[in-house]
Amino acid sequence: MPKKKRIHPWPVRLCHWINLFAMIGMVMSGWGIYNADPIFSFTFPQSTTLGGWLGGNIAWHLAVMWLMAANALFYVLWGLFSGHFRHDFFPFSPRSVWRDTVRAVTFRLPHKPGQYNAVQKLMYVGVLLLGLLLVLSGLSIWKPVQFSGLVWLFGGFDIARYVHFFAMSGVMLFVVVHVVMVLLVPKTFVAMITGGKKISTQENTDE
């Protein structure tokens, strides 16, 4: 007899909302740090930064970093031991991603509560990898002497800054796509708050 579970279990919902607020703090304080020594020919408006000045930007960035790190550690451990990653994010293949991409752009992609399509699986795995890249490049920038090995792997301090910036941009792109998808299917927003209805668990069989 199949077991019943919420569309979004409570650890997913808890980590989702903590991550949302932590990410806002990280991005806004990070933009302030970037403005102090920009790597491109533009800066971010002061009104979109957090901290008021460089010292404040750094203080906020480090404070929120620990919240995000604790949240990420909990999510990763729960995802591994509960089978969330194995059951919900895998398997997927280039063929299934292409199939669901075509369905999405032609507005023929069905929404099945509690089941990720191949494009979603790719995006969630991708954003987890970007998160790891952000952590490693961020450590390289924060403590370049203590983590000199990491700095070397990135090809130097300056390249680590570029990697950090583009990884952050990738995460922001994920957020934009995520918000668009929520606007297209508003009931997913409610489910992320309440957990949604209970569904039968089953193995994913994407080819």
N, C-alpha and C. Protein backbone atom coordinates (compact mmCIF):
# COMPACT_ATOMS: atom_id res chain seq x y z
N MET A 1 0.85 -1.20 0.00
CA MET A 1 0.00 0.00 0.00
C MET A 1 0.88 1.24 0.00
N PRO A 2 0.69 2.18 -0.98
CA PRO A 2 1.56 3.35 -1.06
C PRO A 2 1.38 4.27 0.14
N LYS A 3 2.48 4.90 0.55
CA LYS A 3 2.42 5.84 1.66
C LYS A 3 1.93 7.20 1.16
N LYS A 4 1.41 7.98 2.09
CA LYS A 4 0.95 9.32 1.77
C LYS A 4 1.92 10.35 2.34
N LYS A 5 2.15 11.40 1.59
CA LYS A 5 3.00 12.48 2.09
C LYS A 5 2.49 13.81 1.54
N ARG A 6 2.88 14.89 2.22
CA ARG A 6 2.55 16.22 1.76
C ARG A 6 3.30 16.51 0.45
N ILE A 7 2.73 17.37 -0.39
CA ILE A 7 3.44 17.77 -1.60
C ILE A 7 4.79 18.36 -1.23
N HIS A 8 4.79 19.24 -0.22
CA HIS A 8 6.04 19.82 0.27
C HIS A 8 6.16 19.52 1.77
N PRO A 9 7.01 18.58 2.18
CA PRO A 9 7.20 18.28 3.60
C PRO A 9 7.69 19.53 4.35
N TRP A 10 7.49 19.54 5.66
CA TRP A 10 7.82 20.72 6.43
C TRP A 10 9.28 21.13 6.34
N PRO A 11 10.27 20.20 6.25
CA PRO A 11 11.66 20.67 6.12
C PRO A 11 11.89 21.46 4.82
N VAL A 12 11.22 21.06 3.74
CA VAL A 12 11.36 21.78 2.48
C VAL A 12 10.80 23.18 2.62
N ARG A 13 9.62 23.31 3.23
CA ARG A 13 8.99 24.62 3.39
C ARG A 13 9.80 25.50 4.31
N LEU A 14 10.27 24.95 5.43
CA LEU A 14 11.05 25.73 6.38
C LEU A 14 12.32 26.27 5.73
N CYS A 15 13.06 25.39 5.07
CA CYS A 15 14.31 25.79 4.44
C CYS A 15 14.08 26.76 3.29
N HIS A 16 12.98 26.58 2.57
CA HIS A 16 12.65 27.47 1.45
C HIS A 16 12.50 28.90 1.92
N TRP A 17 11.70 29.11 2.98
CA TRP A 17 11.43 30.48 3.42
C TRP A 17 12.61 31.10 4.16
N ILE A 18 13.35 30.30 4.92
CA ILE A 18 14.57 30.82 5.55
C ILE A 18 15.56 31.23 4.46
N ASN A 19 15.68 30.38 3.45
CA ASN A 19 16.62 30.66 2.37
C ASN A 19 16.22 31.92 1.60
N LEU A 20 14.93 32.15 1.45
CA LEU A 20 14.47 33.34 0.74
C LEU A 20 14.98 34.61 1.42
N PHE A 21 14.74 34.73 2.73
CA PHE A 21 15.16 35.92 3.45
C PHE A 21 16.68 36.01 3.56
N ALA A 22 17.34 34.88 3.74
CA ALA A 22 18.80 34.88 3.82
C ALA A 22 19.41 35.31 2.48
N MET A 23 18.83 34.82 1.40
CA MET A 23 19.35 35.16 0.07
C MET A 23 19.21 36.65 -0.21
N ILE A 24 18.07 37.22 0.19
CA ILE A 24 17.88 38.67 0.00
C ILE A 24 18.97 39.43 0.75
N GLY A 25 19.24 39.03 1.98
CA GLY A 25 20.28 39.69 2.77
C GLY A 25 21.66 39.51 2.16
N MET A 26 21.95 38.30 1.68
CA MET A 26 23.26 38.03 1.08
C MET A 26 23.47 38.85 -0.20
N VAL A 27 22.45 38.88 -1.04
CA VAL A 27 22.57 39.60 -2.31
C VAL A 27 22.70 41.10 -2.08
N MET A 28 21.86 41.68 -1.23
CA MET A 28 21.90 43.12 -1.01
C MET A 28 23.20 43.56 -0.34
N SER A 29 23.67 42.80 0.64
CA SER A 29 24.95 43.15 1.27
C SER A 29 26.10 42.89 0.31
N GLY A 30 25.98 41.83 -0.51
CA GLY A 30 27.01 41.54 -1.51
C GLY A 30 27.13 42.62 -2.55
N TRP A 31 26.01 43.21 -2.94
CA TRP A 31 26.05 44.32 -3.90
C TRP A 31 26.78 45.52 -3.30
N GLY A 32 26.59 45.74 -2.00
CA GLY A 32 27.31 46.83 -1.34
C GLY A 32 28.81 46.59 -1.34
N ILE A 33 29.22 45.35 -1.08
CA ILE A 33 30.64 45.01 -1.10
C ILE A 33 31.20 45.17 -2.52
N TYR A 34 30.43 44.72 -3.49
CA TYR A 34 30.84 44.87 -4.90
C TYR A 34 31.05 46.33 -5.26
N ASN A 35 30.15 47.21 -4.81
CA ASN A 35 30.25 48.63 -5.16
C ASN A 35 31.53 49.27 -4.66
N ALA A 36 32.11 48.73 -3.58
CA ALA A 36 33.34 49.30 -3.03
C ALA A 36 34.53 49.06 -3.95
N ASP A 37 34.46 48.01 -4.75
CA ASP A 37 35.54 47.68 -5.70
C ASP A 37 34.95 46.91 -6.86
N PRO A 38 34.20 47.59 -7.73
CA PRO A 38 33.49 46.90 -8.83
C PRO A 38 34.43 46.24 -9.82
N ILE A 39 34.02 45.09 -10.34
CA ILE A 39 34.83 44.38 -11.33
C ILE A 39 34.33 44.66 -12.75
N PHE A 40 33.18 45.34 -12.84
CA PHE A 40 32.65 45.75 -14.13
C PHE A 40 32.44 47.27 -14.12
N SER A 41 31.95 47.81 -15.21
CA SER A 41 31.81 49.27 -15.34
C SER A 41 30.49 49.78 -14.79
N PHE A 42 29.86 49.03 -13.91
CA PHE A 42 28.60 49.47 -13.32
C PHE A 42 28.61 49.16 -11.83
N THR A 43 27.76 49.86 -11.11
CA THR A 43 27.54 49.58 -9.69
C THR A 43 26.03 49.47 -9.45
N PHE A 44 25.69 48.96 -8.30
CA PHE A 44 24.28 48.81 -7.94
C PHE A 44 23.81 50.03 -7.17
N PRO A 45 22.55 50.44 -7.35
CA PRO A 45 22.03 51.60 -6.60
C PRO A 45 22.18 51.40 -5.10
N GLN A 46 22.56 52.46 -4.41
CA GLN A 46 22.78 52.36 -2.97
C GLN A 46 21.53 51.88 -2.25
N SER A 47 20.36 52.23 -2.79
CA SER A 47 19.09 51.84 -2.16
C SER A 47 18.85 50.34 -2.20
N THR A 48 19.59 49.60 -3.06
CA THR A 48 19.41 48.15 -3.16
C THR A 48 20.46 47.39 -2.36
N THR A 49 21.28 48.13 -1.59
CA THR A 49 22.32 47.47 -0.81
C THR A 49 21.92 47.43 0.66
N LEU A 50 22.62 46.63 1.43
CA LEU A 50 22.31 46.45 2.85
C LEU A 50 23.56 46.69 3.68
N GLY A 51 23.50 47.63 4.61
CA GLY A 51 24.64 47.87 5.48
C GLY A 51 25.07 49.32 5.55
N GLY A 52 24.77 50.09 4.51
CA GLY A 52 25.05 51.52 4.54
C GLY A 52 26.45 51.93 4.12
N TRP A 53 27.45 51.14 4.50
CA TRP A 53 28.84 51.40 4.11
C TRP A 53 29.57 50.07 4.07
N LEU A 54 30.82 50.07 3.60
CA LEU A 54 31.52 48.80 3.38
C LEU A 54 31.58 47.93 4.62
N GLY A 55 31.94 48.53 5.76
CA GLY A 55 32.01 47.75 6.99
C GLY A 55 30.66 47.13 7.34
N GLY A 56 29.60 47.92 7.16
CA GLY A 56 28.26 47.40 7.42
C GLY A 56 27.85 46.32 6.43
N ASN A 57 28.23 46.52 5.16
CA ASN A 57 27.95 45.51 4.13
C ASN A 57 28.59 44.17 4.50
N ILE A 58 29.86 44.23 4.90
CA ILE A 58 30.59 43.01 5.24
C ILE A 58 29.99 42.35 6.48
N ALA A 59 29.64 43.17 7.48
CA ALA A 59 29.07 42.63 8.71
C ALA A 59 27.75 41.90 8.42
N TRP A 60 26.89 42.50 7.61
CA TRP A 60 25.63 41.86 7.25
C TRP A 60 25.88 40.60 6.43
N HIS A 61 26.83 40.67 5.50
CA HIS A 61 27.11 39.54 4.63
C HIS A 61 27.56 38.33 5.45
N LEU A 62 28.44 38.56 6.41
CA LEU A 62 28.95 37.46 7.24
C LEU A 62 27.87 36.93 8.18
N ALA A 63 27.07 37.84 8.75
CA ALA A 63 26.01 37.41 9.67
C ALA A 63 24.99 36.54 8.96
N VAL A 64 24.53 37.00 7.80
CA VAL A 64 23.53 36.23 7.06
C VAL A 64 24.14 34.95 6.49
N MET A 65 25.44 35.00 6.22
CA MET A 65 26.13 33.82 5.70
C MET A 65 25.98 32.63 6.64
N TRP A 66 26.09 32.87 7.96
CA TRP A 66 25.99 31.77 8.91
C TRP A 66 24.58 31.21 8.95
N LEU A 67 23.58 32.08 8.82
CA LEU A 67 22.19 31.60 8.76
C LEU A 67 21.97 30.74 7.52
N MET A 68 22.46 31.22 6.39
CA MET A 68 22.30 30.46 5.15
C MET A 68 23.07 29.15 5.21
N ALA A 69 24.26 29.16 5.80
CA ALA A 69 25.08 27.95 5.89
C ALA A 69 24.39 26.90 6.76
N ALA A 70 23.85 27.32 7.89
CA ALA A 70 23.15 26.38 8.78
C ALA A 70 21.91 25.83 8.08
N ASN A 71 21.19 26.68 7.39
CA ASN A 71 19.98 26.25 6.68
C ASN A 71 20.34 25.27 5.57
N ALA A 72 21.41 25.59 4.83
CA ALA A 72 21.83 24.71 3.73
C ALA A 72 22.30 23.36 4.25
N LEU A 73 23.04 23.36 5.37
CA LEU A 73 23.53 22.11 5.95
C LEU A 73 22.36 21.22 6.37
N PHE A 74 21.37 21.83 7.03
CA PHE A 74 20.19 21.07 7.44
C PHE A 74 19.48 20.49 6.23
N TYR A 75 19.29 21.31 5.19
CA TYR A 75 18.56 20.88 4.00
C TYR A 75 19.29 19.75 3.28
N VAL A 76 20.60 19.89 3.14
CA VAL A 76 21.38 18.87 2.44
C VAL A 76 21.35 17.55 3.21
N LEU A 77 21.54 17.61 4.53
CA LEU A 77 21.53 16.38 5.33
C LEU A 77 20.15 15.73 5.29
N TRP A 78 19.10 16.55 5.43
CA TRP A 78 17.75 15.99 5.38
C TRP A 78 17.47 15.43 3.99
N GLY A 79 17.88 16.15 2.95
CA GLY A 79 17.65 15.70 1.58
C GLY A 79 18.33 14.38 1.27
N LEU A 80 19.52 14.18 1.83
CA LEU A 80 20.25 12.93 1.60
C LEU A 80 19.64 11.77 2.38
N PHE A 81 19.39 11.99 3.66
CA PHE A 81 18.94 10.89 4.51
C PHE A 81 17.45 10.56 4.35
N SER A 82 16.66 11.53 3.93
CA SER A 82 15.23 11.27 3.74
C SER A 82 14.93 10.68 2.36
N GLY A 83 15.90 10.79 1.45
CA GLY A 83 15.67 10.32 0.10
C GLY A 83 15.06 11.38 -0.80
N HIS A 84 14.91 12.60 -0.28
CA HIS A 84 14.31 13.70 -1.06
C HIS A 84 15.07 13.94 -2.36
N PHE A 85 16.38 14.01 -2.30
CA PHE A 85 17.16 14.24 -3.51
C PHE A 85 17.01 13.08 -4.49
N ARG A 86 17.14 11.88 -3.95
CA ARG A 86 17.10 10.68 -4.80
C ARG A 86 15.75 10.51 -5.49
N HIS A 87 14.66 10.74 -4.75
CA HIS A 87 13.33 10.50 -5.29
C HIS A 87 12.79 11.67 -6.12
N ASP A 88 13.13 12.90 -5.70
CA ASP A 88 12.51 14.07 -6.34
C ASP A 88 13.38 14.72 -7.41
N PHE A 89 14.70 14.63 -7.30
CA PHE A 89 15.58 15.32 -8.25
C PHE A 89 16.17 14.39 -9.31
N PHE A 90 16.05 13.11 -9.12
CA PHE A 90 16.62 12.15 -10.07
C PHE A 90 15.59 11.05 -10.34
N PRO A 91 15.70 10.37 -11.51
CA PRO A 91 16.68 10.64 -12.56
C PRO A 91 16.15 11.65 -13.58
N PHE A 92 17.04 12.21 -14.39
CA PHE A 92 16.65 12.99 -15.55
C PHE A 92 17.77 12.84 -16.58
N SER A 93 17.46 13.12 -17.81
CA SER A 93 18.41 12.93 -18.90
C SER A 93 18.29 14.09 -19.88
N PRO A 94 19.29 14.28 -20.76
CA PRO A 94 19.18 15.34 -21.78
C PRO A 94 17.91 15.22 -22.60
N ARG A 95 17.52 13.96 -22.88
CA ARG A 95 16.30 13.74 -23.67
C ARG A 95 15.07 14.23 -22.93
N SER A 96 14.96 13.90 -21.63
CA SER A 96 13.77 14.30 -20.87
C SER A 96 13.76 15.82 -20.64
N VAL A 97 14.94 16.41 -20.47
CA VAL A 97 15.02 17.87 -20.30
C VAL A 97 14.56 18.57 -21.57
N TRP A 98 15.04 18.10 -22.73
CA TRP A 98 14.63 18.69 -24.00
C TRP A 98 13.12 18.53 -24.22
N ARG A 99 12.60 17.34 -23.90
CA ARG A 99 11.17 17.08 -24.07
C ARG A 99 10.34 18.05 -23.24
N ASP A 100 10.70 18.21 -21.97
CA ASP A 100 9.90 19.07 -21.10
C ASP A 100 10.13 20.55 -21.40
N THR A 101 11.29 20.90 -21.93
CA THR A 101 11.53 22.29 -22.35
C THR A 101 10.60 22.65 -23.50
N VAL A 102 10.50 21.76 -24.49
CA VAL A 102 9.60 21.99 -25.62
C VAL A 102 8.16 22.10 -25.13
N ARG A 103 7.77 21.24 -24.21
CA ARG A 103 6.41 21.30 -23.67
C ARG A 103 6.16 22.62 -22.93
N ALA A 104 7.19 23.09 -22.21
CA ALA A 104 7.03 24.32 -21.42
C ALA A 104 6.86 25.53 -22.33
N VAL A 105 7.70 25.66 -23.36
CA VAL A 105 7.64 26.84 -24.23
C VAL A 105 6.40 26.82 -25.13
N THR A 106 5.80 25.66 -25.29
CA THR A 106 4.56 25.57 -26.07
C THR A 106 3.33 25.47 -25.17
N PHE A 107 3.54 25.71 -23.86
CA PHE A 107 2.47 25.72 -22.87
C PHE A 107 1.69 24.40 -22.83
N ARG A 108 2.42 23.30 -23.02
CA ARG A 108 1.79 21.98 -22.97
C ARG A 108 2.37 21.11 -21.85
N LEU A 109 3.14 21.74 -20.96
CA LEU A 109 3.77 20.98 -19.89
C LEU A 109 2.79 20.79 -18.74
N PRO A 110 2.40 19.56 -18.44
CA PRO A 110 1.43 19.34 -17.36
C PRO A 110 2.06 19.58 -15.99
N HIS A 111 1.26 20.06 -15.05
CA HIS A 111 1.73 20.24 -13.68
C HIS A 111 1.16 19.15 -12.81
N LYS A 112 2.06 18.32 -12.28
CA LYS A 112 1.63 17.22 -11.43
C LYS A 112 2.07 17.51 -9.99
N PRO A 113 1.12 17.71 -9.08
CA PRO A 113 1.47 18.03 -7.69
C PRO A 113 2.42 16.99 -7.09
N GLY A 114 3.50 17.49 -6.49
CA GLY A 114 4.45 16.60 -5.83
C GLY A 114 5.44 15.93 -6.75
N GLN A 115 5.40 16.26 -8.05
CA GLN A 115 6.32 15.62 -9.00
C GLN A 115 7.01 16.70 -9.83
N TYR A 116 8.34 16.69 -9.82
CA TYR A 116 9.13 17.66 -10.59
C TYR A 116 9.30 17.16 -12.01
N ASN A 117 9.14 18.06 -12.98
CA ASN A 117 9.46 17.68 -14.35
C ASN A 117 10.98 17.76 -14.55
N ALA A 118 11.45 17.30 -15.71
CA ALA A 118 12.89 17.19 -15.95
C ALA A 118 13.59 18.55 -15.90
N VAL A 119 12.92 19.60 -16.39
CA VAL A 119 13.52 20.94 -16.37
C VAL A 119 13.69 21.41 -14.92
N GLN A 120 12.68 21.18 -14.10
CA GLN A 120 12.78 21.55 -12.69
C GLN A 120 13.90 20.79 -12.00
N LYS A 121 14.01 19.50 -12.29
CA LYS A 121 15.08 18.70 -11.69
C LYS A 121 16.45 19.27 -12.05
N LEU A 122 16.63 19.58 -13.34
CA LEU A 122 17.91 20.15 -13.78
C LEU A 122 18.19 21.47 -13.08
N MET A 123 17.17 22.31 -12.96
CA MET A 123 17.35 23.62 -12.34
C MET A 123 17.68 23.50 -10.86
N TYR A 124 16.99 22.59 -10.15
CA TYR A 124 17.26 22.44 -8.72
C TYR A 124 18.65 21.86 -8.46
N VAL A 125 19.05 20.88 -9.25
CA VAL A 125 20.40 20.33 -9.11
C VAL A 125 21.42 21.40 -9.47
N GLY A 126 21.13 22.16 -10.53
CA GLY A 126 22.04 23.22 -10.96
C GLY A 126 22.21 24.30 -9.92
N VAL A 127 21.12 24.71 -9.26
CA VAL A 127 21.23 25.78 -8.27
C VAL A 127 21.96 25.28 -7.02
N LEU A 128 21.83 23.99 -6.70
CA LEU A 128 22.61 23.44 -5.58
C LEU A 128 24.11 23.47 -5.89
N LEU A 129 24.46 23.16 -7.14
CA LEU A 129 25.87 23.22 -7.54
C LEU A 129 26.37 24.67 -7.55
N LEU A 130 25.52 25.59 -8.00
CA LEU A 130 25.90 27.00 -7.96
C LEU A 130 26.10 27.46 -6.52
N GLY A 131 25.26 26.96 -5.62
CA GLY A 131 25.42 27.29 -4.21
C GLY A 131 26.77 26.83 -3.67
N LEU A 132 27.16 25.62 -4.06
CA LEU A 132 28.47 25.11 -3.64
C LEU A 132 29.59 25.99 -4.21
N LEU A 133 29.45 26.40 -5.46
CA LEU A 133 30.44 27.26 -6.09
C LEU A 133 30.51 28.62 -5.39
N LEU A 134 29.35 29.13 -4.98
CA LEU A 134 29.33 30.39 -4.24
C LEU A 134 30.08 30.27 -2.91
N VAL A 135 29.88 29.16 -2.22
CA VAL A 135 30.55 28.96 -0.94
C VAL A 135 32.06 28.91 -1.12
N LEU A 136 32.51 28.10 -2.08
CA LEU A 136 33.96 27.93 -2.28
C LEU A 136 34.62 29.22 -2.76
N SER A 137 33.98 29.90 -3.71
CA SER A 137 34.56 31.16 -4.19
C SER A 137 34.47 32.24 -3.11
N GLY A 138 33.39 32.23 -2.32
CA GLY A 138 33.25 33.19 -1.24
C GLY A 138 34.32 33.02 -0.18
N LEU A 139 34.63 31.77 0.17
CA LEU A 139 35.71 31.51 1.13
C LEU A 139 37.05 32.00 0.58
N SER A 140 37.25 31.82 -0.71
CA SER A 140 38.50 32.27 -1.34
C SER A 140 38.65 33.78 -1.26
N ILE A 141 37.54 34.50 -1.41
CA ILE A 141 37.58 35.97 -1.35
C ILE A 141 37.69 36.45 0.09
N TRP A 142 36.99 35.77 1.00
CA TRP A 142 36.95 36.19 2.40
C TRP A 142 38.28 35.96 3.10
N LYS A 143 38.86 34.78 2.92
CA LYS A 143 40.12 34.43 3.59
C LYS A 143 41.12 33.90 2.55
N PRO A 144 41.65 34.76 1.69
CA PRO A 144 42.53 34.29 0.62
C PRO A 144 43.84 33.69 1.11
N VAL A 145 44.30 34.07 2.29
CA VAL A 145 45.54 33.50 2.83
C VAL A 145 45.26 32.14 3.44
N GLN A 146 44.24 32.07 4.30
CA GLN A 146 43.90 30.80 4.95
C GLN A 146 43.44 29.75 3.94
N PHE A 147 42.76 30.18 2.90
CA PHE A 147 42.26 29.26 1.87
C PHE A 147 43.02 29.47 0.56
N SER A 148 44.32 29.58 0.68
CA SER A 148 45.15 29.84 -0.51
C SER A 148 45.04 28.71 -1.53
N GLY A 149 44.80 27.48 -1.05
CA GLY A 149 44.64 26.36 -1.98
C GLY A 149 43.41 26.55 -2.86
N LEU A 150 42.32 27.02 -2.25
CA LEU A 150 41.11 27.29 -3.02
C LEU A 150 41.34 28.41 -4.02
N VAL A 151 42.03 29.47 -3.57
CA VAL A 151 42.33 30.59 -4.45
C VAL A 151 43.11 30.10 -5.66
N TRP A 152 44.06 29.21 -5.42
CA TRP A 152 44.87 28.65 -6.52
C TRP A 152 44.00 27.85 -7.48
N LEU A 153 43.07 27.06 -6.94
CA LEU A 153 42.18 26.27 -7.79
C LEU A 153 41.32 27.14 -8.69
N PHE A 154 40.94 28.30 -8.19
CA PHE A 154 40.13 29.21 -8.99
C PHE A 154 40.98 30.02 -9.98
N GLY A 155 42.29 29.92 -9.87
CA GLY A 155 43.15 30.66 -10.80
C GLY A 155 43.54 32.03 -10.30
N GLY A 156 43.35 32.28 -9.00
CA GLY A 156 43.73 33.56 -8.43
C GLY A 156 42.55 34.28 -7.80
N PHE A 157 42.87 35.28 -6.98
CA PHE A 157 41.85 36.03 -6.23
C PHE A 157 40.88 36.73 -7.17
N ASP A 158 41.41 37.38 -8.21
CA ASP A 158 40.54 38.15 -9.11
C ASP A 158 39.57 37.24 -9.85
N ILE A 159 40.03 36.09 -10.29
CA ILE A 159 39.14 35.16 -11.00
C ILE A 159 38.08 34.61 -10.04
N ALA A 160 38.47 34.39 -8.78
CA ALA A 160 37.50 33.92 -7.78
C ALA A 160 36.37 34.94 -7.62
N ARG A 161 36.69 36.22 -7.71
CA ARG A 161 35.66 37.25 -7.62
C ARG A 161 34.69 37.16 -8.80
N TYR A 162 35.23 36.94 -9.99
CA TYR A 162 34.38 36.77 -11.17
C TYR A 162 33.47 35.54 -11.02
N VAL A 163 34.06 34.44 -10.55
CA VAL A 163 33.29 33.21 -10.35
C VAL A 163 32.16 33.46 -9.36
N HIS A 164 32.48 34.16 -8.28
CA HIS A 164 31.47 34.45 -7.25
C HIS A 164 30.34 35.29 -7.84
N PHE A 165 30.71 36.29 -8.63
CA PHE A 165 29.70 37.17 -9.22
C PHE A 165 28.79 36.41 -10.18
N PHE A 166 29.37 35.60 -11.06
CA PHE A 166 28.56 34.90 -12.04
C PHE A 166 27.74 33.77 -11.41
N ALA A 167 28.27 33.15 -10.35
CA ALA A 167 27.49 32.14 -9.64
C ALA A 167 26.29 32.79 -8.98
N MET A 168 26.50 33.97 -8.39
CA MET A 168 25.40 34.73 -7.80
C MET A 168 24.37 35.10 -8.87
N SER A 169 24.85 35.50 -10.05
CA SER A 169 23.94 35.86 -11.14
C SER A 169 23.13 34.66 -11.58
N GLY A 170 23.77 33.48 -11.59
CA GLY A 170 23.06 32.25 -11.95
C GLY A 170 21.95 31.94 -10.96
N VAL A 171 22.22 32.13 -9.68
CA VAL A 171 21.20 31.89 -8.66
C VAL A 171 20.05 32.89 -8.82
N MET A 172 20.39 34.15 -9.11
CA MET A 172 19.35 35.15 -9.31
C MET A 172 18.49 34.83 -10.53
N LEU A 173 19.11 34.30 -11.58
CA LEU A 173 18.35 33.88 -12.76
C LEU A 173 17.39 32.76 -12.40
N PHE A 174 17.86 31.82 -11.58
CA PHE A 174 16.99 30.75 -11.10
C PHE A 174 15.79 31.32 -10.34
N VAL A 175 16.05 32.32 -9.49
CA VAL A 175 14.98 32.93 -8.71
C VAL A 175 13.95 33.58 -9.63
N VAL A 176 14.42 34.29 -10.66
CA VAL A 176 13.51 34.94 -11.60
C VAL A 176 12.62 33.91 -12.30
N VAL A 177 13.23 32.83 -12.79
CA VAL A 177 12.47 31.77 -13.46
C VAL A 177 11.49 31.14 -12.48
N HIS A 178 11.95 30.94 -11.26
CA HIS A 178 11.11 30.34 -10.21
C HIS A 178 9.88 31.19 -9.95
N VAL A 179 10.08 32.50 -9.84
CA VAL A 179 8.96 33.42 -9.58
C VAL A 179 7.99 33.42 -10.76
N VAL A 180 8.52 33.41 -11.98
CA VAL A 180 7.66 33.36 -13.16
C VAL A 180 6.79 32.11 -13.15
N MET A 181 7.40 30.98 -12.81
CA MET A 181 6.65 29.72 -12.76
C MET A 181 5.55 29.77 -11.70
N VAL A 182 5.85 30.41 -10.56
CA VAL A 182 4.85 30.54 -9.50
C VAL A 182 3.69 31.41 -9.98
N LEU A 183 4.00 32.47 -10.72
CA LEU A 183 2.95 33.34 -11.24
C LEU A 183 2.08 32.60 -12.25
N LEU A 184 2.70 31.69 -13.01
CA LEU A 184 1.93 30.91 -13.99
C LEU A 184 1.06 29.85 -13.32
N VAL A 185 1.56 29.33 -12.18
CA VAL A 185 0.79 28.30 -11.44
C VAL A 185 0.69 28.76 -9.98
N PRO A 186 -0.20 29.72 -9.68
CA PRO A 186 -0.28 30.34 -8.35
C PRO A 186 -0.50 29.36 -7.21
N LYS A 187 -1.17 28.23 -7.47
CA LYS A 187 -1.47 27.31 -6.37
C LYS A 187 -0.21 26.70 -5.77
N THR A 188 0.92 26.76 -6.51
CA THR A 188 2.17 26.24 -5.95
C THR A 188 2.67 27.11 -4.80
N PHE A 189 2.30 28.40 -4.82
CA PHE A 189 2.69 29.30 -3.73
C PHE A 189 1.99 28.90 -2.44
N VAL A 190 0.71 28.62 -2.53
CA VAL A 190 -0.06 28.21 -1.36
C VAL A 190 0.47 26.89 -0.80
N ALA A 191 0.81 25.95 -1.70
CA ALA A 191 1.33 24.66 -1.26
C ALA A 191 2.65 24.79 -0.52
N MET A 192 3.46 25.80 -0.88
CA MET A 192 4.74 26.00 -0.20
C MET A 192 4.55 26.57 1.19
N ILE A 193 3.36 27.08 1.48
CA ILE A 193 3.04 27.58 2.82
C ILE A 193 2.35 26.50 3.65
N THR A 194 1.37 25.85 3.07
CA THR A 194 0.55 24.87 3.81
C THR A 194 1.06 23.44 3.71
N GLY A 195 1.89 23.18 2.70
CA GLY A 195 2.34 21.82 2.44
C GLY A 195 1.54 21.15 1.35
N GLY A 196 0.36 21.69 1.08
CA GLY A 196 -0.48 21.11 0.02
C GLY A 196 -1.14 19.82 0.48
N LYS A 197 -1.90 19.24 -0.43
CA LYS A 197 -2.61 18.01 -0.10
C LYS A 197 -1.65 16.83 -0.03
N LYS A 198 -2.09 15.76 0.59
CA LYS A 198 -1.28 14.55 0.68
C LYS A 198 -1.40 13.75 -0.62
N ILE A 199 -0.28 13.20 -1.07
CA ILE A 199 -0.26 12.41 -2.30
C ILE A 199 0.42 11.08 -2.03
N SER A 200 0.19 10.13 -2.92
CA SER A 200 0.85 8.83 -2.82
C SER A 200 2.28 8.96 -3.31
N THR A 201 3.20 8.38 -2.58
CA THR A 201 4.61 8.41 -2.99
C THR A 201 4.82 7.39 -4.08
N GLN A 202 5.73 7.75 -5.01
CA GLN A 202 6.05 6.83 -6.10
C GLN A 202 7.41 7.19 -6.65
N GLU A 203 8.05 6.22 -7.28
CA GLU A 203 9.35 6.45 -7.86
C GLU A 203 9.19 7.22 -9.17
N ASN A 204 10.15 8.15 -9.43
CA ASN A 204 10.16 8.85 -10.70
C ASN A 204 10.82 7.99 -11.74
N THR A 205 10.33 8.07 -12.97
CA THR A 205 10.88 7.21 -14.03
C THR A 205 11.20 7.99 -15.29
N ASP A 206 11.74 9.19 -15.15
CA ASP A 206 12.14 9.96 -16.33
C ASP A 206 13.23 9.24 -17.08
N GLU A 207 13.17 9.25 -18.38
CA GLU A 207 14.18 8.60 -19.20
C GLU A 207 15.25 9.60 -19.58
